[in-house]
Structures are given as structure tokens and as C-alpha cells.
PDB file of N, CA and C in Angstrom:
ATOM      1  N   MET A   1      54.556  88.696  93.636  1.00  0.00           N
ATOM      2  CA  MET A   1      55.578  87.794  93.119  1.00  0.00           C
ATOM      3  C   MET A   1      56.912  88.171  93.761  1.00  0.00           C
ATOM      4  N   PRO A   2      57.649  87.197  94.282  1.00  0.00           N
ATOM      5  CA  PRO A   2      58.927  87.502  94.935  1.00  0.00           C
ATOM      6  C   PRO A   2      59.975  87.979  93.927  1.00  0.00           C
ATOM      7  N   TYR A   3      60.827  88.838  94.402  1.00  0.00           N
ATOM      8  CA  TYR A   3      61.906  89.365  93.569  1.00  0.00           C
ATOM      9  C   TYR A   3      63.156  88.511  93.765  1.00  0.00           C
ATOM     10  N   ILE A   4      63.745  88.101  92.647  1.00  0.00           N
ATOM     11  CA  ILE A   4      65.011  87.371  92.689  1.00  0.00           C
ATOM     12  C   ILE A   4      66.016  88.206  91.906  1.00  0.00           C
ATOM     13  N   PRO A   5      67.122  88.587  92.544  1.00  0.00           N
ATOM     14  CA  PRO A   5      68.121  89.405  91.859  1.00  0.00           C
ATOM     15  C   PRO A   5      68.647  88.727  90.591  1.00  0.00           C
ATOM     16  N   PRO A   6      68.909  89.511  89.560  1.00  0.00           N
ATOM     17  CA  PRO A   6      69.388  88.947  88.294  1.00  0.00           C
ATOM     18  C   PRO A   6      70.644  88.089  88.435  1.00  0.00           C
ATOM     19  N   GLU A   7      71.537  88.449  89.350  1.00  0.00           N
ATOM     20  CA  GLU A   7      72.763  87.659  89.509  1.00  0.00           C
ATOM     21  C   GLU A   7      72.469  86.264  90.078  1.00  0.00           C
ATOM     22  N   VAL A   8      71.414  86.149  90.878  1.00  0.00           N
ATOM     23  CA  VAL A   8      71.013  84.841  91.417  1.00  0.00           C
ATOM     24  C   VAL A   8      70.410  83.989  90.303  1.00  0.00           C
ATOM     25  N   VAL A   9      69.582  84.599  89.461  1.00  0.00           N
ATOM     26  CA  VAL A   9      68.991  83.891  88.323  1.00  0.00           C
ATOM     27  C   VAL A   9      70.092  83.440  87.369  1.00  0.00           C
ATOM     28  N   SER A  10      71.050  84.312  87.110  1.00  0.00           N
ATOM     29  CA  SER A  10      72.154  83.980  86.211  1.00  0.00           C
ATOM     30  C   SER A  10      72.966  82.797  86.745  1.00  0.00           C
ATOM     31  N   LYS A  11      73.252  82.809  88.029  1.00  0.00           N
ATOM     32  CA  LYS A  11      74.006  81.716  88.640  1.00  0.00           C
ATOM     33  C   LYS A  11      73.225  80.401  88.568  1.00  0.00           C
ATOM     34  N   ALA A  12      71.910  80.473  88.807  1.00  0.00           N
ATOM     35  CA  ALA A  12      71.071  79.276  88.736  1.00  0.00           C
ATOM     36  C   ALA A  12      71.032  78.713  87.319  1.00  0.00           C
ATOM     37  N   LYS A  13      71.004  79.581  86.315  1.00  0.00           N
ATOM     38  CA  LYS A  13      70.980  79.133  84.923  1.00  0.00           C
ATOM     39  C   LYS A  13      72.275  78.457  84.513  1.00  0.00           C
ATOM     40  N   GLN A  14      73.363  78.778  85.183  1.00  0.00           N
ATOM     41  CA  GLN A  14      74.668  78.204  84.840  1.00  0.00           C
ATOM     42  C   GLN A  14      74.891  76.812  85.437  1.00  0.00           C
ATOM     43  N   MET A  15      74.104  76.429  86.442  1.00  0.00           N
ATOM     44  CA  MET A  15      74.332  75.148  87.109  1.00  0.00           C
ATOM     45  C   MET A  15      73.834  73.982  86.256  1.00  0.00           C
ATOM     46  N   ASP A  16      74.720  73.038  85.989  1.00  0.00           N
ATOM     47  CA  ASP A  16      74.317  71.850  85.240  1.00  0.00           C
ATOM     48  C   ASP A  16      73.651  70.854  86.185  1.00  0.00           C
ATOM     49  N   LEU A  17      72.943  69.890  85.628  1.00  0.00           N
ATOM     50  CA  LEU A  17      72.175  68.950  86.436  1.00  0.00           C
ATOM     51  C   LEU A  17      73.072  68.046  87.273  1.00  0.00           C
ATOM     52  N   TYR A  18      74.184  67.591  86.721  1.00  0.00           N
ATOM     53  CA  TYR A  18      75.096  66.733  87.482  1.00  0.00           C
ATOM     54  C   TYR A  18      75.558  67.434  88.766  1.00  0.00           C
ATOM     55  N   THR A  19      75.983  68.681  88.639  1.00  0.00           N
ATOM     56  CA  THR A  19      76.450  69.445  89.800  1.00  0.00           C
ATOM     57  C   THR A  19      75.328  69.640  90.807  1.00  0.00           C
ATOM     58  N   TYR A  20      74.134  69.966  90.310  1.00  0.00           N
ATOM     59  CA  TYR A  20      72.991  70.146  91.215  1.00  0.00           C
ATOM     60  C   TYR A  20      72.718  68.867  91.998  1.00  0.00           C
ATOM     61  N   LEU A  21      72.613  67.736  91.294  1.00  0.00           N
ATOM     62  CA  LEU A  21      72.309  66.480  91.976  1.00  0.00           C
ATOM     63  C   LEU A  21      73.417  66.071  92.937  1.00  0.00           C
ATOM     64  N   LYS A  22      74.657  66.228  92.520  1.00  0.00           N
ATOM     65  CA  LYS A  22      75.777  65.850  93.386  1.00  0.00           C
ATOM     66  C   LYS A  22      75.797  66.695  94.659  1.00  0.00           C
ATOM     67  N   THR A  23      75.394  67.955  94.546  1.00  0.00           N
ATOM     68  CA  THR A  23      75.412  68.873  95.679  1.00  0.00           C
ATOM     69  C   THR A  23      74.174  68.756  96.566  1.00  0.00           C
ATOM     70  N   TYR A  24      72.983  68.709  95.959  1.00  0.00           N
ATOM     71  CA  TYR A  24      71.747  68.812  96.726  1.00  0.00           C
ATOM     72  C   TYR A  24      70.953  67.508  96.866  1.00  0.00           C
ATOM     73  N   GLU A  25      71.141  66.567  95.939  1.00  0.00           N
ATOM     74  CA  GLU A  25      70.419  65.292  95.995  1.00  0.00           C
ATOM     75  C   GLU A  25      71.359  64.138  95.635  1.00  0.00           C
ATOM     76  N   PRO A  26      72.460  63.968  96.367  1.00  0.00           N
ATOM     77  CA  PRO A  26      73.448  62.941  95.981  1.00  0.00           C
ATOM     78  C   PRO A  26      72.883  61.522  95.981  1.00  0.00           C
ATOM     79  N   GLN A  27      71.853  61.265  96.760  1.00  0.00           N
ATOM     80  CA  GLN A  27      71.251  59.937  96.795  1.00  0.00           C
ATOM     81  C   GLN A  27      70.540  59.604  95.487  1.00  0.00           C
ATOM     82  N   GLU A  28      70.215  60.611  94.680  1.00  0.00           N
ATOM     83  CA  GLU A  28      69.526  60.411  93.398  1.00  0.00           C
ATOM     84  C   GLU A  28      70.477  60.090  92.252  1.00  0.00           C
ATOM     85  N   LEU A  29      71.743  60.417  92.382  1.00  0.00           N
ATOM     86  CA  LEU A  29      72.706  60.292  91.289  1.00  0.00           C
ATOM     87  C   LEU A  29      73.256  58.867  91.219  1.00  0.00           C
ATOM     88  N   VAL A  30      73.100  58.237  90.056  1.00  0.00           N
ATOM     89  CA  VAL A  30      73.570  56.864  89.849  1.00  0.00           C
ATOM     90  C   VAL A  30      74.477  56.839  88.623  1.00  0.00           C
ATOM     91  N   HIS A  31      75.688  56.295  88.786  1.00  0.00           N
ATOM     92  CA  HIS A  31      76.617  56.181  87.654  1.00  0.00           C
ATOM     93  C   HIS A  31      76.111  55.091  86.727  1.00  0.00           C
ATOM     94  N   PHE A  32      75.943  55.424  85.452  1.00  0.00           N
ATOM     95  CA  PHE A  32      75.411  54.492  84.463  1.00  0.00           C
ATOM     96  C   PHE A  32      76.533  53.816  83.695  1.00  0.00           C
ATOM     97  N   GLY A  33      77.566  54.584  83.381  1.00  0.00           N
ATOM     98  CA  GLY A  33      78.706  54.056  82.639  1.00  0.00           C
ATOM     99  C   GLY A  33      79.434  55.182  81.935  1.00  0.00           C
ATOM    100  N   GLY A  34      80.751  55.098  81.878  1.00  0.00           N
ATOM    101  CA  GLY A  34      81.529  56.163  81.251  1.00  0.00           C
ATOM    102  C   GLY A  34      81.276  57.481  81.943  1.00  0.00           C
ATOM    103  N   SER A  35      80.864  58.471  81.180  1.00  0.00           N
ATOM    104  CA  SER A  35      80.559  59.782  81.760  1.00  0.00           C
ATOM    105  C   SER A  35      79.048  60.020  81.840  1.00  0.00           C
ATOM    106  N   THR A  36      78.278  58.946  81.820  1.00  0.00           N
ATOM    107  CA  THR A  36      76.825  59.046  81.841  1.00  0.00           C
ATOM    108  C   THR A  36      76.268  58.646  83.207  1.00  0.00           C
ATOM    109  N   TYR A  37      75.294  59.421  83.659  1.00  0.00           N
ATOM    110  CA  TYR A  37      74.620  59.166  84.927  1.00  0.00           C
ATOM    111  C   TYR A  37      73.124  59.125  84.679  1.00  0.00           C
ATOM    112  N   CYS A  38      72.400  58.549  85.619  1.00  0.00           N
ATOM    113  CA  CYS A  38      70.944  58.605  85.602  1.00  0.00           C
ATOM    114  C   CYS A  38      70.498  58.902  87.029  1.00  0.00           C
ATOM    115  N   THR A  39      69.194  59.028  87.235  1.00  0.00           N
ATOM    116  CA  THR A  39      68.710  59.266  88.584  1.00  0.00           C
ATOM    117  C   THR A  39      68.078  57.992  89.116  1.00  0.00           C
ATOM    118  N   ARG A  40      68.086  57.850  90.411  1.00  0.00           N
ATOM    119  CA  ARG A  40      67.505  56.669  91.049  1.00  0.00           C
ATOM    120  C   ARG A  40      66.001  56.610  90.767  1.00  0.00           C
ATOM    121  N   GLU A  41      65.353  57.767  90.741  1.00  0.00           N
ATOM    122  CA  GLU A  41      63.906  57.829  90.525  1.00  0.00           C
ATOM    123  C   GLU A  41      63.522  57.566  89.070  1.00  0.00           C
ATOM    124  N   HIS A  42      64.346  58.030  88.132  1.00  0.00           N
ATOM    125  CA  HIS A  42      64.035  57.905  86.703  1.00  0.00           C
ATOM    126  C   HIS A  42      65.244  57.312  85.980  1.00  0.00           C
ATOM    127  N   ASP A  43      65.266  55.993  85.821  1.00  0.00           N
ATOM    128  CA  ASP A  43      66.437  55.366  85.216  1.00  0.00           C
ATOM    129  C   ASP A  43      66.564  55.621  83.717  1.00  0.00           C
ATOM    130  N   SER A  44      65.517  56.128  83.078  1.00  0.00           N
ATOM    131  CA  SER A  44      65.631  56.461  81.661  1.00  0.00           C
ATOM    132  C   SER A  44      66.056  57.917  81.444  1.00  0.00           C
ATOM    133  N   LEU A  45      66.278  58.656  82.527  1.00  0.00           N
ATOM    134  CA  LEU A  45      66.773  60.028  82.439  1.00  0.00           C
ATOM    135  C   LEU A  45      68.298  59.969  82.492  1.00  0.00           C
ATOM    136  N   LYS A  46      68.938  60.259  81.377  1.00  0.00           N
ATOM    137  CA  LYS A  46      70.392  60.166  81.280  1.00  0.00           C
ATOM    138  C   LYS A  46      71.015  61.559  81.312  1.00  0.00           C
ATOM    139  N   ILE A  47      72.129  61.662  82.042  1.00  0.00           N
ATOM    140  CA  ILE A  47      72.855  62.923  82.218  1.00  0.00           C
ATOM    141  C   ILE A  47      74.264  62.714  81.689  1.00  0.00           C
ATOM    142  N   SER A  48      74.687  63.573  80.756  1.00  0.00           N
ATOM    143  CA  SER A  48      76.027  63.445  80.192  1.00  0.00           C
ATOM    144  C   SER A  48      76.446  64.755  79.529  1.00  0.00           C
ATOM    145  N   ASN A  49      77.689  65.119  79.720  1.00  0.00           N
ATOM    146  CA  ASN A  49      78.278  66.291  79.054  1.00  0.00           C
ATOM    147  C   ASN A  49      77.474  67.574  79.266  1.00  0.00           C
ATOM    148  N   GLY A  50      76.956  67.764  80.469  1.00  0.00           N
ATOM    149  CA  GLY A  50      76.237  68.992  80.781  1.00  0.00           C
ATOM    150  C   GLY A  50      74.806  69.031  80.291  1.00  0.00           C
ATOM    151  N   LYS A  51      74.341  67.956  79.677  1.00  0.00           N
ATOM    152  CA  LYS A  51      72.970  67.902  79.174  1.00  0.00           C
ATOM    153  C   LYS A  51      72.262  66.698  79.784  1.00  0.00           C
ATOM    154  N   TRP A  52      70.948  66.687  79.679  1.00  0.00           N
ATOM    155  CA  TRP A  52      70.177  65.536  80.136  1.00  0.00           C
ATOM    156  C   TRP A  52      69.036  65.280  79.166  1.00  0.00           C
ATOM    157  N   TYR A  53      68.602  64.003  79.145  1.00  0.00           N
ATOM    158  CA  TYR A  53      67.469  63.628  78.301  1.00  0.00           C
ATOM    159  C   TYR A  53      66.695  62.521  78.997  1.00  0.00           C
ATOM    160  N   TRP A  54      65.386  62.691  79.094  1.00  0.00           N
ATOM    161  CA  TRP A  54      64.511  61.698  79.713  1.00  0.00           C
ATOM    162  C   TRP A  54      63.866  60.918  78.580  1.00  0.00           C
ATOM    163  N   TRP A  55      64.446  59.770  78.257  1.00  0.00           N
ATOM    164  CA  TRP A  55      64.073  58.986  77.089  1.00  0.00           C
ATOM    165  C   TRP A  55      62.614  58.535  77.124  1.00  0.00           C
ATOM    166  N   SER A  56      62.102  58.135  78.260  1.00  0.00           N
ATOM    167  CA  SER A  56      60.719  57.639  78.312  1.00  0.00           C
ATOM    168  C   SER A  56      59.685  58.743  78.094  1.00  0.00           C
ATOM    169  N   ARG A  57      60.077  59.983  78.306  1.00  0.00           N
ATOM    170  CA  ARG A  57      59.158  61.113  78.122  1.00  0.00           C
ATOM    171  C   ARG A  57      59.482  61.951  76.893  1.00  0.00           C
ATOM    172  N   GLY A  58      60.659  61.749  76.315  1.00  0.00           N
ATOM    173  CA  GLY A  58      61.037  62.506  75.124  1.00  0.00           C
ATOM    174  C   GLY A  58      61.326  63.971  75.379  1.00  0.00           C
ATOM    175  N   ILE A  59      61.828  64.290  76.589  1.00  0.00           N
ATOM    176  CA  ILE A  59      62.171  65.670  76.895  1.00  0.00           C
ATOM    177  C   ILE A  59      63.605  65.741  77.411  1.00  0.00           C
ATOM    178  N   GLY A  60      64.226  66.878  77.216  1.00  0.00           N
ATOM    179  CA  GLY A  60      65.591  67.056  77.686  1.00  0.00           C
ATOM    180  C   GLY A  60      65.881  68.512  77.937  1.00  0.00           C
ATOM    181  N   GLY A  61      67.085  68.749  78.410  1.00  0.00           N
ATOM    182  CA  GLY A  61      67.486  70.113  78.690  1.00  0.00           C
ATOM    183  C   GLY A  61      68.966  70.213  78.941  1.00  0.00           C
ATOM    184  N   VAL A  62      69.363  71.406  79.322  1.00  0.00           N
ATOM    185  CA  VAL A  62      70.780  71.677  79.499  1.00  0.00           C
ATOM    186  C   VAL A  62      71.169  71.784  80.962  1.00  0.00           C
ATOM    187  N   GLY A  63      70.366  72.364  81.778  1.00  0.00           N
ATOM    188  CA  GLY A  63      70.784  72.619  83.145  1.00  0.00           C
ATOM    189  C   GLY A  63      69.813  72.144  84.195  1.00  0.00           C
ATOM    190  N   ALA A  64      70.157  72.470  85.428  1.00  0.00           N
ATOM    191  CA  ALA A  64      69.341  72.090  86.572  1.00  0.00           C
ATOM    192  C   ALA A  64      67.966  72.765  86.537  1.00  0.00           C
ATOM    193  N   LEU A  65      67.900  74.009  86.069  1.00  0.00           N
ATOM    194  CA  LEU A  65      66.602  74.699  86.012  1.00  0.00           C
ATOM    195  C   LEU A  65      65.635  73.979  85.077  1.00  0.00           C
ATOM    196  N   ASP A  66      66.128  73.538  83.936  1.00  0.00           N
ATOM    197  CA  ASP A  66      65.275  72.785  83.002  1.00  0.00           C
ATOM    198  C   ASP A  66      64.746  71.521  83.669  1.00  0.00           C
ATOM    199  N   TYR A  67      65.611  70.825  84.383  1.00  0.00           N
ATOM    200  CA  TYR A  67      65.236  69.597  85.082  1.00  0.00           C
ATOM    201  C   TYR A  67      64.192  69.870  86.158  1.00  0.00           C
ATOM    202  N   LEU A  68      64.442  70.871  86.978  1.00  0.00           N
ATOM    203  CA  LEU A  68      63.525  71.163  88.084  1.00  0.00           C
ATOM    204  C   LEU A  68      62.146  71.584  87.596  1.00  0.00           C
ATOM    205  N   THR A  69      62.084  72.294  86.479  1.00  0.00           N
ATOM    206  CA  THR A  69      60.782  72.719  85.964  1.00  0.00           C
ATOM    207  C   THR A  69      60.103  71.614  85.150  1.00  0.00           C
ATOM    208  N   ALA A  70      60.847  70.894  84.318  1.00  0.00           N
ATOM    209  CA  ALA A  70      60.246  69.885  83.441  1.00  0.00           C
ATOM    210  C   ALA A  70      59.987  68.557  84.146  1.00  0.00           C
ATOM    211  N   VAL A  71      60.909  68.119  84.982  1.00  0.00           N
ATOM    212  CA  VAL A  71      60.791  66.802  85.610  1.00  0.00           C
ATOM    213  C   VAL A  71      60.145  66.891  86.989  1.00  0.00           C
ATOM    214  N   LYS A  72      60.610  67.815  87.800  1.00  0.00           N
ATOM    215  CA  LYS A  72      60.096  67.943  89.163  1.00  0.00           C
ATOM    216  C   LYS A  72      58.813  68.776  89.236  1.00  0.00           C
ATOM    217  N   GLY A  73      58.478  69.492  88.144  1.00  0.00           N
ATOM    218  CA  GLY A  73      57.241  70.257  88.090  1.00  0.00           C
ATOM    219  C   GLY A  73      57.257  71.550  88.886  1.00  0.00           C
ATOM    220  N   MET A  74      58.439  72.060  89.206  1.00  0.00           N
ATOM    221  CA  MET A  74      58.532  73.321  89.954  1.00  0.00           C
ATOM    222  C   MET A  74      58.275  74.508  89.040  1.00  0.00           C
ATOM    223  N   ASP A  75      57.746  75.587  89.605  1.00  0.00           N
ATOM    224  CA  ASP A  75      57.678  76.824  88.850  1.00  0.00           C
ATOM    225  C   ASP A  75      59.095  77.442  88.841  1.00  0.00           C
ATOM    226  N   PHE A  76      59.311  78.404  87.958  1.00  0.00           N
ATOM    227  CA  PHE A  76      60.645  78.966  87.762  1.00  0.00           C
ATOM    228  C   PHE A  76      61.235  79.540  89.047  1.00  0.00           C
ATOM    229  N   ILE A  77      60.464  80.283  89.788  1.00  0.00           N
ATOM    230  CA  ILE A  77      60.968  80.928  91.008  1.00  0.00           C
ATOM    231  C   ILE A  77      61.372  79.874  92.049  1.00  0.00           C
ATOM    232  N   SER A  78      60.554  78.866  92.227  1.00  0.00           N
ATOM    233  CA  SER A  78      60.901  77.786  93.171  1.00  0.00           C
ATOM    234  C   SER A  78      62.158  77.060  92.720  1.00  0.00           C
ATOM    235  N   ALA A  79      62.311  76.858  91.424  1.00  0.00           N
ATOM    236  CA  ALA A  79      63.500  76.183  90.900  1.00  0.00           C
ATOM    237  C   ALA A  79      64.751  77.014  91.140  1.00  0.00           C
ATOM    238  N   VAL A  80      64.671  78.320  90.946  1.00  0.00           N
ATOM    239  CA  VAL A  80      65.824  79.191  91.202  1.00  0.00           C
ATOM    240  C   VAL A  80      66.163  79.175  92.680  1.00  0.00           C
ATOM    241  N   GLU A  81      65.170  79.212  93.536  1.00  0.00           N
ATOM    242  CA  GLU A  81      65.417  79.182  94.973  1.00  0.00           C
ATOM    243  C   GLU A  81      66.024  77.865  95.429  1.00  0.00           C
ATOM    244  N   ALA A  82      65.687  76.768  94.742  1.00  0.00           N
ATOM    245  CA  ALA A  82      66.238  75.446  95.091  1.00  0.00           C
ATOM    246  C   ALA A  82      67.715  75.408  94.779  1.00  0.00           C
TER     247      ALA A  82
END
């Protein structure tokens, strides 16, 4: 199993989904209205105030790591590396 330094894991846990998408997948970020965004791939996934919720699946989370593991299906290490 690859080693990831604790400071890298900590930094990854702090990144919110909006910042992640704006930085790494800007083509996926769609302004929905006000301070709410959704993704081009999943229009029922709403992002607002540092949190996200995928209404059609009934799951949500706080940061980019939650999104990458729950929505994109990545394992934790791959999500941190992303």
C-alpha cells in the first residue's frame, strides 16, 4: 500500500468540492443559481456552502474526498492523489 504523508491527507480533506471542480474539472462545473452549482454529468448533484448533495441518489458530503469516493468510485488513496 502506498504511503501518503499525513500533511497531504490533511490538505486533501480540507478541499471543498467547488474548489476541486473549479481547479481540476472546470468543464464539469455548472452555475445553477445564487451560490448553488451542479455538475454537467449529474444535474441533481448540488454544491453549495462547502457541501454537496446528490438528490437522485440520496447521498452527500462535505468535501472533494467524499465526492471522489462516493460519486466517482475512487478508493481513498486514489482520491487523495487526485
